[in-house]
């Protein structure tokens, strides 16, 4: 299946009680992914916006940074910035949150696999 630019469903939503709304550009819908994934989307995080703390217990999430910088905050409060070309994997009940402290838009590809 090939989806061309401009064919992606876009939505804005608050994720896990974070600040503001995140833009999700769904690259593939859940029903497209053979029951193996529930999300494959480009996430656009504007300055000052965040994804609130949440855990991945029954699934795992992969982030690949496309542009900008975000700060990942672990359950223990440790903070790790990640930027273009960096990847993150979370699952197994790990908690995390993300925030954009920079003055620039951050964009990442997010995949939640089951």
PDB file of N, CA and C in Angstrom:
ATOM      1  N   UNK A   1       0.853  -1.178   0.000  1.00  0.00           N
ATOM      2  CA  UNK A   1       0.000   0.000   0.000  1.00  0.00           C
ATOM      3  C   UNK A   1       0.894   1.235   0.000  1.00  0.00           C
ATOM      4  N   UNK A   2       0.619   2.133  -0.890  1.00  0.00           N
ATOM      5  CA  UNK A   2       1.326   3.412  -0.948  1.00  0.00           C
ATOM      6  C   UNK A   2       0.305   4.520  -0.707  1.00  0.00           C
ATOM      7  N   UNK A   3       0.654   5.406   0.192  1.00  0.00           N
ATOM      8  CA  UNK A   3      -0.187   6.582   0.422  1.00  0.00           C
ATOM      9  C   UNK A   3       0.641   7.801   0.050  1.00  0.00           C
ATOM     10  N   UNK A   4       0.094   8.636  -0.745  1.00  0.00           N
ATOM     11  CA  UNK A   4       0.776   9.830  -1.225  1.00  0.00           C
ATOM     12  C   UNK A   4       0.593  10.991  -0.257  1.00  0.00           C
ATOM     13  N   UNK A   5       1.544  11.894  -0.301  1.00  0.00           N
ATOM     14  CA  UNK A   5       1.441  13.107   0.496  1.00  0.00           C
ATOM     15  C   UNK A   5       0.099  13.771   0.214  1.00  0.00           C
ATOM     16  N   UNK A   6      -0.548  14.230   1.253  1.00  0.00           N
ATOM     17  CA  UNK A   6      -1.862  14.850   1.089  1.00  0.00           C
ATOM     18  C   UNK A   6      -3.008  13.883   1.320  1.00  0.00           C
ATOM     19  N   UNK A   7      -2.710  12.585   1.423  1.00  0.00           N
ATOM     20  CA  UNK A   7      -3.753  11.585   1.656  1.00  0.00           C
ATOM     21  C   UNK A   7      -3.881  11.199   3.130  1.00  0.00           C
ATOM     22  N   UNK A   8      -3.147  11.855   3.994  1.00  0.00           N
ATOM     23  CA  UNK A   8      -3.105  11.481   5.398  1.00  0.00           C
ATOM     24  C   UNK A   8      -4.173  12.228   6.197  1.00  0.00           C
ATOM     25  N   UNK A   9      -4.860  11.465   7.043  1.00  0.00           N
ATOM     26  CA  UNK A   9      -5.846  12.077   7.949  1.00  0.00           C
ATOM     27  C   UNK A   9      -5.086  12.850   9.023  1.00  0.00           C
ATOM     28  N   UNK A  10      -5.540  14.065   9.277  1.00  0.00           N
ATOM     29  CA  UNK A  10      -4.898  14.900  10.279  1.00  0.00           C
ATOM     30  C   UNK A  10      -5.897  15.219  11.376  1.00  0.00           C
ATOM     31  N   UNK A  11      -5.418  15.184  12.613  1.00  0.00           N
ATOM     32  CA  UNK A  11      -6.261  15.562  13.744  1.00  0.00           C
ATOM     33  C   UNK A  11      -5.406  16.299  14.763  1.00  0.00           C
ATOM     34  N   UNK A  12      -6.080  17.053  15.604  1.00  0.00           N
ATOM     35  CA  UNK A  12      -5.437  17.725  16.738  1.00  0.00           C
ATOM     36  C   UNK A  12      -6.042  17.147  17.993  1.00  0.00           C
ATOM     37  N   UNK A  13      -5.162  16.784  18.946  1.00  0.00           N
ATOM     38  CA  UNK A  13      -5.722  16.293  20.203  1.00  0.00           C
ATOM     39  C   UNK A  13      -4.741  16.475  21.340  1.00  0.00           C
ATOM     40  N   UNK A  14      -5.319  16.607  22.517  1.00  0.00           N
ATOM     41  CA  UNK A  14      -4.532  16.619  23.740  1.00  0.00           C
ATOM     42  C   UNK A  14      -4.198  15.163  24.043  1.00  0.00           C
ATOM     43  N   UNK A  15      -2.940  14.888  24.344  1.00  0.00           N
ATOM     44  CA  UNK A  15      -2.529  13.518  24.614  1.00  0.00           C
ATOM     45  C   UNK A  15      -2.123  13.391  26.080  1.00  0.00           C
ATOM     46  N   UNK A  16      -2.829  12.551  26.789  1.00  0.00           N
ATOM     47  CA  UNK A  16      -2.521  12.186  28.174  1.00  0.00           C
ATOM     48  C   UNK A  16      -2.441  13.394  29.112  1.00  0.00           C
ATOM     49  N   UNK A  17      -3.244  14.408  28.853  1.00  0.00           N
ATOM     50  CA  UNK A  17      -3.303  15.558  29.751  1.00  0.00           C
ATOM     51  C   UNK A  17      -2.124  16.508  29.660  1.00  0.00           C
ATOM     52  N   UNK A  18      -1.395  16.450  28.550  1.00  0.00           N
ATOM     53  CA  UNK A  18      -0.280  17.374  28.356  1.00  0.00           C
ATOM     54  C   UNK A  18      -0.767  18.786  28.079  1.00  0.00           C
ATOM     55  N   UNK A  19       0.162  19.681  27.831  1.00  0.00           N
ATOM     56  CA  UNK A  19      -0.172  21.075  27.505  1.00  0.00           C
ATOM     57  C   UNK A  19      -0.493  21.208  26.026  1.00  0.00           C
ATOM     58  N   UNK A  20      -1.589  21.858  25.719  1.00  0.00           N
ATOM     59  CA  UNK A  20      -1.950  22.141  24.333  1.00  0.00           C
ATOM     60  C   UNK A  20      -2.382  20.907  23.570  1.00  0.00           C
ATOM     61  N   UNK A  21      -2.381  21.045  22.257  1.00  0.00           N
ATOM     62  CA  UNK A  21      -2.784  19.958  21.369  1.00  0.00           C
ATOM     63  C   UNK A  21      -1.617  19.574  20.462  1.00  0.00           C
ATOM     64  N   UNK A  22      -1.558  18.305  20.168  1.00  0.00           N
ATOM     65  CA  UNK A  22      -0.556  17.751  19.264  1.00  0.00           C
ATOM     66  C   UNK A  22      -1.250  17.492  17.932  1.00  0.00           C
ATOM     67  N   UNK A  23      -0.571  17.800  16.841  1.00  0.00           N
ATOM     68  CA  UNK A  23      -1.105  17.482  15.513  1.00  0.00           C
ATOM     69  C   UNK A  23      -0.638  16.079  15.156  1.00  0.00           C
ATOM     70  N   UNK A  24      -1.580  15.218  14.790  1.00  0.00           N
ATOM     71  CA  UNK A  24      -1.261  13.866  14.349  1.00  0.00           C
ATOM     72  C   UNK A  24      -1.598  13.757  12.868  1.00  0.00           C
ATOM     73  N   UNK A  25      -0.621  13.399  12.073  1.00  0.00           N
ATOM     74  CA  UNK A  25      -0.824  13.118  10.650  1.00  0.00           C
ATOM     75  C   UNK A  25      -0.693  11.611  10.476  1.00  0.00           C
ATOM     76  N   UNK A  26      -1.833  10.936  10.443  1.00  0.00           N
ATOM     77  CA  UNK A  26      -1.859   9.479  10.405  1.00  0.00           C
ATOM     78  C   UNK A  26      -1.342   8.972   9.064  1.00  0.00           C
ATOM     79  N   UNK A  27      -0.199   8.296   9.094  1.00  0.00           N
ATOM     80  CA  UNK A  27       0.386   7.739   7.870  1.00  0.00           C
ATOM     81  C   UNK A  27      -0.378   6.496   7.439  1.00  0.00           C
ATOM     82  N   UNK A  28      -0.750   5.676   8.416  1.00  0.00           N
ATOM     83  CA  UNK A  28      -1.601   4.516   8.179  1.00  0.00           C
ATOM     84  C   UNK A  28      -2.607   4.445   9.316  1.00  0.00           C
ATOM     85  N   UNK A  29      -3.795   3.980   8.998  1.00  0.00           N
ATOM     86  CA  UNK A  29      -4.845   3.808   9.998  1.00  0.00           C
ATOM     87  C   UNK A  29      -4.685   2.435  10.652  1.00  0.00           C
ATOM     88  N   UNK A  30      -5.257   2.288  11.816  1.00  0.00           N
ATOM     89  CA  UNK A  30      -5.150   1.034  12.569  1.00  0.00           C
ATOM     90  C   UNK A  30      -5.552  -0.174  11.723  1.00  0.00           C
ATOM     91  N   UNK A  31      -6.649  -0.038  10.982  1.00  0.00           N
ATOM     92  CA  UNK A  31      -7.129  -1.165  10.177  1.00  0.00           C
ATOM     93  C   UNK A  31      -6.207  -1.505   9.003  1.00  0.00           C
ATOM     94  N   UNK A  32      -5.274  -0.632   8.665  1.00  0.00           N
ATOM     95  CA  UNK A  32      -4.314  -0.888   7.589  1.00  0.00           C
ATOM     96  C   UNK A  32      -3.166  -1.785   8.040  1.00  0.00           C
ATOM     97  N   UNK A  33      -2.964  -1.951   9.363  1.00  0.00           N
ATOM     98  CA  UNK A  33      -1.714  -2.511   9.869  1.00  0.00           C
ATOM     99  C   UNK A  33      -1.832  -3.934  10.407  1.00  0.00           C
ATOM    100  N   UNK A  34      -2.776  -4.704   9.866  1.00  0.00           N
ATOM    101  CA  UNK A  34      -2.875  -6.140  10.099  1.00  0.00           C
ATOM    102  C   UNK A  34      -2.939  -6.528  11.577  1.00  0.00           C
ATOM    103  N   UNK A  35      -3.489  -5.637  12.414  1.00  0.00           N
ATOM    104  CA  UNK A  35      -3.615  -5.931  13.831  1.00  0.00           C
ATOM    105  C   UNK A  35      -2.312  -5.887  14.606  1.00  0.00           C
ATOM    106  N   UNK A  36      -1.250  -5.371  14.002  1.00  0.00           N
ATOM    107  CA  UNK A  36       0.066  -5.342  14.644  1.00  0.00           C
ATOM    108  C   UNK A  36       0.419  -3.990  15.246  1.00  0.00           C
ATOM    109  N   UNK A  37      -0.343  -2.971  14.911  1.00  0.00           N
ATOM    110  CA  UNK A  37      -0.033  -1.619  15.378  1.00  0.00           C
ATOM    111  C   UNK A  37      -1.327  -0.840  15.514  1.00  0.00           C
ATOM    112  N   UNK A  38      -1.341   0.093  16.454  1.00  0.00           N
ATOM    113  CA  UNK A  38      -2.531   0.931  16.610  1.00  0.00           C
ATOM    114  C   UNK A  38      -2.273   2.378  16.231  1.00  0.00           C
ATOM    115  N   UNK A  39      -1.007   2.714  15.943  1.00  0.00           N
ATOM    116  CA  UNK A  39      -0.705   4.088  15.530  1.00  0.00           C
ATOM    117  C   UNK A  39       0.544   4.102  14.668  1.00  0.00           C
ATOM    118  N   UNK A  40       0.472   4.824  13.583  1.00  0.00           N
ATOM    119  CA  UNK A  40       1.632   5.156  12.765  1.00  0.00           C
ATOM    120  C   UNK A  40       1.365   6.567  12.257  1.00  0.00           C
ATOM    121  N   UNK A  41       1.975   7.545  12.930  1.00  0.00           N
ATOM    122  CA  UNK A  41       1.639   8.933  12.636  1.00  0.00           C
ATOM    123  C   UNK A  41       2.841   9.847  12.849  1.00  0.00           C
ATOM    124  N   UNK A  42       2.831  10.910  12.089  1.00  0.00           N
ATOM    125  CA  UNK A  42       3.764  12.002  12.322  1.00  0.00           C
ATOM    126  C   UNK A  42       3.123  12.880  13.384  1.00  0.00           C
ATOM    127  N   UNK A  43       3.868  13.163  14.459  1.00  0.00           N
ATOM    128  CA  UNK A  43       3.367  14.024  15.530  1.00  0.00           C
ATOM    129  C   UNK A  43       4.084  15.356  15.461  1.00  0.00           C
ATOM    130  N   UNK A  44       3.307  16.426  15.440  1.00  0.00           N
ATOM    131  CA  UNK A  44       3.850  17.781  15.393  1.00  0.00           C
ATOM    132  C   UNK A  44       3.602  18.402  16.760  1.00  0.00           C
ATOM    133  N   UNK A  45       4.708  18.768  17.429  1.00  0.00           N
ATOM    134  CA  UNK A  45       4.625  19.309  18.786  1.00  0.00           C
ATOM    135  C   UNK A  45       5.133  20.749  18.746  1.00  0.00           C
ATOM    136  N   UNK A  46       4.206  21.678  18.887  1.00  0.00           N
ATOM    137  CA  UNK A  46       4.558  23.095  18.847  1.00  0.00           C
ATOM    138  C   UNK A  46       5.269  23.507  20.141  1.00  0.00           C
ATOM    139  N   UNK A  47       6.031  24.606  20.110  1.00  0.00           N
ATOM    140  CA  UNK A  47       6.691  25.091  21.326  1.00  0.00           C
ATOM    141  C   UNK A  47       5.689  25.259  22.465  1.00  0.00           C
ATOM    142  N   UNK A  48       6.079  24.804  23.653  1.00  0.00           N
ATOM    143  CA  UNK A  48       5.221  24.907  24.829  1.00  0.00           C
ATOM    144  C   UNK A  48       4.223  23.777  24.990  1.00  0.00           C
ATOM    145  N   UNK A  49       4.078  22.942  23.975  1.00  0.00           N
ATOM    146  CA  UNK A  49       3.139  21.819  24.053  1.00  0.00           C
ATOM    147  C   UNK A  49       3.842  20.575  24.585  1.00  0.00           C
ATOM    148  N   UNK A  50       3.035  19.643  25.091  1.00  0.00           N
ATOM    149  CA  UNK A  50       3.614  18.428  25.649  1.00  0.00           C
ATOM    150  C   UNK A  50       2.635  17.266  25.541  1.00  0.00           C
ATOM    151  N   UNK A  51       3.188  16.074  25.717  1.00  0.00           N
ATOM    152  CA  UNK A  51       2.416  14.841  25.845  1.00  0.00           C
ATOM    153  C   UNK A  51       2.553  14.443  27.305  1.00  0.00           C
ATOM    154  N   UNK A  52       1.435  14.319  27.998  1.00  0.00           N
ATOM    155  CA  UNK A  52       1.454  14.030  29.430  1.00  0.00           C
ATOM    156  C   UNK A  52       1.974  12.639  29.753  1.00  0.00           C
ATOM    157  N   UNK A  53       2.288  12.443  31.019  1.00  0.00           N
ATOM    158  CA  UNK A  53       2.834  11.163  31.468  1.00  0.00           C
ATOM    159  C   UNK A  53       1.832  10.033  31.254  1.00  0.00           C
ATOM    160  N   UNK A  54       2.328   8.951  30.689  1.00  0.00           N
ATOM    161  CA  UNK A  54       1.517   7.755  30.474  1.00  0.00           C
ATOM    162  C   UNK A  54       2.448   6.557  30.333  1.00  0.00           C
ATOM    163  N   UNK A  55       1.870   5.359  30.441  1.00  0.00           N
ATOM    164  CA  UNK A  55       2.655   4.131  30.360  1.00  0.00           C
ATOM    165  C   UNK A  55       2.229   3.314  29.144  1.00  0.00           C
ATOM    166  N   UNK A  56       3.147   2.489  28.687  1.00  0.00           N
ATOM    167  CA  UNK A  56       2.860   1.505  27.634  1.00  0.00           C
ATOM    168  C   UNK A  56       3.043   0.126  28.266  1.00  0.00           C
ATOM    169  N   UNK A  57       1.910  -0.508  28.576  1.00  0.00           N
ATOM    170  CA  UNK A  57       1.932  -1.791  29.271  1.00  0.00           C
ATOM    171  C   UNK A  57       1.716  -2.931  28.288  1.00  0.00           C
ATOM    172  N   UNK A  58       0.668  -2.853  27.498  1.00  0.00           N
ATOM    173  CA  UNK A  58       0.318  -3.917  26.554  1.00  0.00           C
ATOM    174  C   UNK A  58       0.859  -3.659  25.147  1.00  0.00           C
ATOM    175  N   UNK A  59       1.620  -2.582  24.988  1.00  0.00           N
ATOM    176  CA  UNK A  59       2.156  -2.239  23.682  1.00  0.00           C
ATOM    177  C   UNK A  59       3.523  -1.593  23.870  1.00  0.00           C
ATOM    178  N   UNK A  60       4.146  -1.209  22.782  1.00  0.00           N
ATOM    179  CA  UNK A  60       5.394  -0.457  22.847  1.00  0.00           C
ATOM    180  C   UNK A  60       5.324   0.671  21.837  1.00  0.00           C
ATOM    181  N   UNK A  61       6.073   1.727  22.110  1.00  0.00           N
ATOM    182  CA  UNK A  61       6.059   2.890  21.229  1.00  0.00           C
ATOM    183  C   UNK A  61       7.477   3.219  20.789  1.00  0.00           C
ATOM    184  N   UNK A  62       7.594   3.502  19.506  1.00  0.00           N
ATOM    185  CA  UNK A  62       8.861   3.901  18.910  1.00  0.00           C
ATOM    186  C   UNK A  62       8.697   5.321  18.397  1.00  0.00           C
ATOM    187  N   UNK A  63       9.640   6.190  18.746  1.00  0.00           N
ATOM    188  CA  UNK A  63       9.685   7.554  18.216  1.00  0.00           C
ATOM    189  C   UNK A  63      10.957   7.716  17.395  1.00  0.00           C
ATOM    190  N   UNK A  64      10.829   8.387  16.256  1.00  0.00           N
ATOM    191  CA  UNK A  64      11.985   8.761  15.448  1.00  0.00           C
ATOM    192  C   UNK A  64      11.865  10.255  15.162  1.00  0.00           C
ATOM    193  N   UNK A  65      12.826  11.025  15.667  1.00  0.00           N
ATOM    194  CA  UNK A  65      12.765  12.485  15.521  1.00  0.00           C
ATOM    195  C   UNK A  65      13.122  12.905  14.094  1.00  0.00           C
ATOM    196  N   UNK A  66      12.243  13.681  13.498  1.00  0.00           N
ATOM    197  CA  UNK A  66      12.435  14.175  12.138  1.00  0.00           C
ATOM    198  C   UNK A  66      12.973  15.594  12.115  1.00  0.00           C
ATOM    199  N   UNK A  67      12.541  16.411  13.078  1.00  0.00           N
ATOM    200  CA  UNK A  67      13.053  17.775  13.186  1.00  0.00           C
ATOM    201  C   UNK A  67      12.774  18.334  14.577  1.00  0.00           C
ATOM    202  N   UNK A  68      13.600  19.282  14.982  1.00  0.00           N
ATOM    203  CA  UNK A  68      13.423  19.922  16.274  1.00  0.00           C
ATOM    204  C   UNK A  68      13.986  19.099  17.418  1.00  0.00           C
ATOM    205  N   UNK A  69      13.655  19.522  18.641  1.00  0.00           N
ATOM    206  CA  UNK A  69      14.134  18.859  19.857  1.00  0.00           C
ATOM    207  C   UNK A  69      12.997  18.752  20.862  1.00  0.00           C
ATOM    208  N   UNK A  70      12.868  17.592  21.469  1.00  0.00           N
ATOM    209  CA  UNK A  70      11.925  17.357  22.558  1.00  0.00           C
ATOM    210  C   UNK A  70      12.695  16.870  23.772  1.00  0.00           C
ATOM    211  N   UNK A  71      12.086  17.010  24.944  1.00  0.00           N
ATOM    212  CA  UNK A  71      12.654  16.477  26.177  1.00  0.00           C
ATOM    213  C   UNK A  71      11.765  15.322  26.620  1.00  0.00           C
ATOM    214  N   UNK A  72      12.375  14.153  26.802  1.00  0.00           N
ATOM    215  CA  UNK A  72      11.672  12.989  27.325  1.00  0.00           C
ATOM    216  C   UNK A  72      11.883  12.955  28.833  1.00  0.00           C
ATOM    217  N   UNK A  73      10.792  12.776  29.573  1.00  0.00           N
ATOM    218  CA  UNK A  73      10.871  12.720  31.027  1.00  0.00           C
ATOM    219  C   UNK A  73      10.427  11.330  31.472  1.00  0.00           C
ATOM    220  N   UNK A  74      11.313  10.618  32.172  1.00  0.00           N
ATOM    221  CA  UNK A  74      11.014   9.281  32.681  1.00  0.00           C
ATOM    222  C   UNK A  74      10.265   9.386  34.008  1.00  0.00           C
ATOM    223  N   UNK A  75       9.714   8.274  34.465  1.00  0.00           N
ATOM    224  CA  UNK A  75       8.948   8.222  35.716  1.00  0.00           C
ATOM    225  C   UNK A  75       9.776   8.724  36.899  1.00  0.00           C
ATOM    226  N   UNK A  76      11.087   8.466  36.884  1.00  0.00           N
ATOM    227  CA  UNK A  76      11.945   8.894  37.991  1.00  0.00           C
ATOM    228  C   UNK A  76      12.331  10.367  37.919  1.00  0.00           C
ATOM    229  N   UNK A  77      11.812  11.062  36.895  1.00  0.00           N
ATOM    230  CA  UNK A  77      12.080  12.486  36.746  1.00  0.00           C
ATOM    231  C   UNK A  77      13.297  12.822  35.902  1.00  0.00           C
ATOM    232  N   UNK A  78      14.059  11.808  35.501  1.00  0.00           N
ATOM    233  CA  UNK A  78      15.227  12.083  34.660  1.00  0.00           C
ATOM    234  C   UNK A  78      14.774  12.596  33.294  1.00  0.00           C
ATOM    235  N   UNK A  79      15.519  13.551  32.773  1.00  0.00           N
ATOM    236  CA  UNK A  79      15.165  14.202  31.512  1.00  0.00           C
ATOM    237  C   UNK A  79      16.256  13.966  30.474  1.00  0.00           C
ATOM    238  N   UNK A  80      15.831  13.626  29.270  1.00  0.00           N
ATOM    239  CA  UNK A  80      16.769  13.391  28.183  1.00  0.00           C
ATOM    240  C   UNK A  80      16.267  14.110  26.936  1.00  0.00           C
ATOM    241  N   UNK A  81      17.033  15.082  26.424  1.00  0.00           N
ATOM    242  CA  UNK A  81      16.627  15.712  25.166  1.00  0.00           C
ATOM    243  C   UNK A  81      16.922  14.774  23.996  1.00  0.00           C
ATOM    244  N   UNK A  82      16.063  14.810  22.992  1.00  0.00           N
ATOM    245  CA  UNK A  82      16.399  14.105  21.762  1.00  0.00           C
ATOM    246  C   UNK A  82      15.997  14.937  20.569  1.00  0.00           C
ATOM    247  N   UNK A  83      16.830  14.812  19.530  1.00  0.00           N
ATOM    248  CA  UNK A  83      16.758  15.696  18.367  1.00  0.00           C
ATOM    249  C   UNK A  83      16.768  14.891  17.075  1.00  0.00           C
ATOM    250  N   UNK A  84      16.741  15.594  15.969  1.00  0.00           N
ATOM    251  CA  UNK A  84      16.686  14.985  14.636  1.00  0.00           C
ATOM    252  C   UNK A  84      17.637  13.801  14.526  1.00  0.00           C
ATOM    253  N   UNK A  85      17.076  12.663  14.087  1.00  0.00           N
ATOM    254  CA  UNK A  85      17.851  11.451  13.899  1.00  0.00           C
ATOM    255  C   UNK A  85      17.889  10.542  15.110  1.00  0.00           C
ATOM    256  N   UNK A  86      17.473  11.037  16.287  1.00  0.00           N
ATOM    257  CA  UNK A  86      17.456  10.215  17.495  1.00  0.00           C
ATOM    258  C   UNK A  86      16.195   9.363  17.525  1.00  0.00           C
ATOM    259  N   UNK A  87      16.282   8.218  18.218  1.00  0.00           N
ATOM    260  CA  UNK A  87      15.155   7.294  18.369  1.00  0.00           C
ATOM    261  C   UNK A  87      14.905   7.018  19.841  1.00  0.00           C
ATOM    262  N   UNK A  88      13.680   6.658  20.154  1.00  0.00           N
ATOM    263  CA  UNK A  88      13.319   6.259  21.508  1.00  0.00           C
ATOM    264  C   UNK A  88      12.364   5.077  21.416  1.00  0.00           C
ATOM    265  N   UNK A  89      12.515   4.139  22.340  1.00  0.00           N
ATOM    266  CA  UNK A  89      11.637   2.981  22.448  1.00  0.00           C
ATOM    267  C   UNK A  89      11.164   2.899  23.888  1.00  0.00           C
ATOM    268  N   UNK A  90       9.868   2.727  24.090  1.00  0.00           N
ATOM    269  CA  UNK A  90       9.331   2.574  25.434  1.00  0.00           C
ATOM    270  C   UNK A  90       8.266   1.485  25.428  1.00  0.00           C
ATOM    271  N   UNK A  91       8.158   0.774  26.521  1.00  0.00           N
ATOM    272  CA  UNK A  91       7.183  -0.306  26.647  1.00  0.00           C
ATOM    273  C   UNK A  91       7.415  -1.030  27.953  1.00  0.00           C
ATOM    274  N   UNK A  92       6.763  -2.181  28.126  1.00  0.00           N
ATOM    275  CA  UNK A  92       6.957  -2.969  29.328  1.00  0.00           C
ATOM    276  C   UNK A  92       6.494  -2.277  30.599  1.00  0.00           C
ATOM    277  N   UNK A  93       5.545  -1.350  30.477  1.00  0.00           N
ATOM    278  CA  UNK A  93       5.038  -0.636  31.641  1.00  0.00           C
ATOM    279  C   UNK A  93       5.774   0.646  31.963  1.00  0.00           C
ATOM    280  N   UNK A  94       6.784   0.992  31.171  1.00  0.00           N
ATOM    281  CA  UNK A  94       7.525   2.233  31.406  1.00  0.00           C
ATOM    282  C   UNK A  94       6.626   3.450  31.216  1.00  0.00           C
ATOM    283  N   UNK A  95       6.783   4.433  32.098  1.00  0.00           N
ATOM    284  CA  UNK A  95       6.095   5.708  31.993  1.00  0.00           C
ATOM    285  C   UNK A  95       6.997   6.705  31.290  1.00  0.00           C
ATOM    286  N   UNK A  96       6.400   7.625  30.563  1.00  0.00           N
ATOM    287  CA  UNK A  96       7.160   8.715  29.977  1.00  0.00           C
ATOM    288  C   UNK A  96       6.235   9.872  29.645  1.00  0.00           C
ATOM    289  N   UNK A  97       6.839  11.028  29.464  1.00  0.00           N
ATOM    290  CA  UNK A  97       6.145  12.194  28.924  1.00  0.00           C
ATOM    291  C   UNK A  97       7.138  12.915  28.029  1.00  0.00           C
ATOM    292  N   UNK A  98       6.632  13.807  27.206  1.00  0.00           N
ATOM    293  CA  UNK A  98       7.468  14.556  26.265  1.00  0.00           C
ATOM    294  C   UNK A  98       7.042  16.007  26.283  1.00  0.00           C
ATOM    295  N   UNK A  99       8.002  16.903  26.145  1.00  0.00           N
ATOM    296  CA  UNK A  99       7.640  18.317  26.075  1.00  0.00           C
ATOM    297  C   UNK A  99       8.585  19.045  25.127  1.00  0.00           C
ATOM    298  N   UNK A 100       8.047  20.124  24.562  1.00  0.00           N
ATOM    299  CA  UNK A 100       8.825  20.964  23.661  1.00  0.00           C
ATOM    300  C   UNK A 100       9.140  22.267  24.382  1.00  0.00           C
ATOM    301  N   UNK A 101      10.381  22.357  24.889  1.00  0.00           N
ATOM    302  CA  UNK A 101      10.850  23.556  25.579  1.00  0.00           C
ATOM    303  C   UNK A 101      11.504  24.549  24.626  1.00  0.00           C
ATOM    304  N   UNK A 102      11.701  24.144  23.399  1.00  0.00           N
ATOM    305  CA  UNK A 102      12.417  24.996  22.452  1.00  0.00           C
ATOM    306  C   UNK A 102      11.472  26.036  21.855  1.00  0.00           C
ATOM    307  N   UNK A 103      12.004  26.911  21.101  1.00  0.00           N
ATOM    308  CA  UNK A 103      11.197  27.907  20.413  1.00  0.00           C
ATOM    309  C   UNK A 103      10.815  27.476  19.010  1.00  0.00           C
ATOM    310  N   UNK A 104      11.061  26.189  18.696  1.00  0.00           N
ATOM    311  CA  UNK A 104      10.794  25.687  17.344  1.00  0.00           C
ATOM    312  C   UNK A 104       9.892  24.460  17.383  1.00  0.00           C
ATOM    313  N   UNK A 105       9.158  24.247  16.310  1.00  0.00           N
ATOM    314  CA  UNK A 105       8.296  23.089  16.171  1.00  0.00           C
ATOM    315  C   UNK A 105       9.141  21.816  16.108  1.00  0.00           C
ATOM    316  N   UNK A 106       8.685  20.771  16.789  1.00  0.00           N
ATOM    317  CA  UNK A 106       9.329  19.465  16.729  1.00  0.00           C
ATOM    318  C   UNK A 106       8.394  18.504  16.005  1.00  0.00           C
ATOM    319  N   UNK A 107       8.979  17.622  15.198  1.00  0.00           N
ATOM    320  CA  UNK A 107       8.196  16.649  14.437  1.00  0.00           C
ATOM    321  C   UNK A 107       8.847  15.279  14.609  1.00  0.00           C
ATOM    322  N   UNK A 108       8.028  14.272  14.902  1.00  0.00           N
ATOM    323  CA  UNK A 108       8.548  12.913  15.042  1.00  0.00           C
ATOM    324  C   UNK A 108       7.569  11.917  14.448  1.00  0.00           C
ATOM    325  N   UNK A 109       8.100  10.783  14.055  1.00  0.00           N
ATOM    326  CA  UNK A 109       7.273   9.671  13.615  1.00  0.00           C
ATOM    327  C   UNK A 109       7.049   8.797  14.834  1.00  0.00           C
ATOM    328  N   UNK A 110       5.796   8.449  15.122  1.00  0.00           N
ATOM    329  CA  UNK A 110       5.459   7.602  16.256  1.00  0.00           C
ATOM    330  C   UNK A 110       4.755   6.346  15.751  1.00  0.00           C
ATOM    331  N   UNK A 111       5.203   5.190  16.244  1.00  0.00           N
ATOM    332  CA  UNK A 111       4.574   3.910  15.924  1.00  0.00           C
ATOM    333  C   UNK A 111       4.304   3.211  17.234  1.00  0.00           C
ATOM    334  N   UNK A 112       3.045   2.835  17.459  1.00  0.00           N
ATOM    335  CA  UNK A 112       2.693   2.037  18.624  1.00  0.00           C
ATOM    336  C   UNK A 112       2.369   0.649  18.124  1.00  0.00           C
ATOM    337  N   UNK A 113       3.239  -0.317  18.496  1.00  0.00           N
ATOM    338  CA  UNK A 113       3.100  -1.701  18.063  1.00  0.00           C
ATOM    339  C   UNK A 113       2.474  -2.514  19.192  1.00  0.00           C
ATOM    340  N   UNK A 114       1.657  -3.499  18.796  1.00  0.00           N
ATOM    341  CA  UNK A 114       0.979  -4.350  19.773  1.00  0.00           C
ATOM    342  C   UNK A 114       1.748  -5.631  19.989  1.00  0.00           C
TER     343      UNK A 114
END
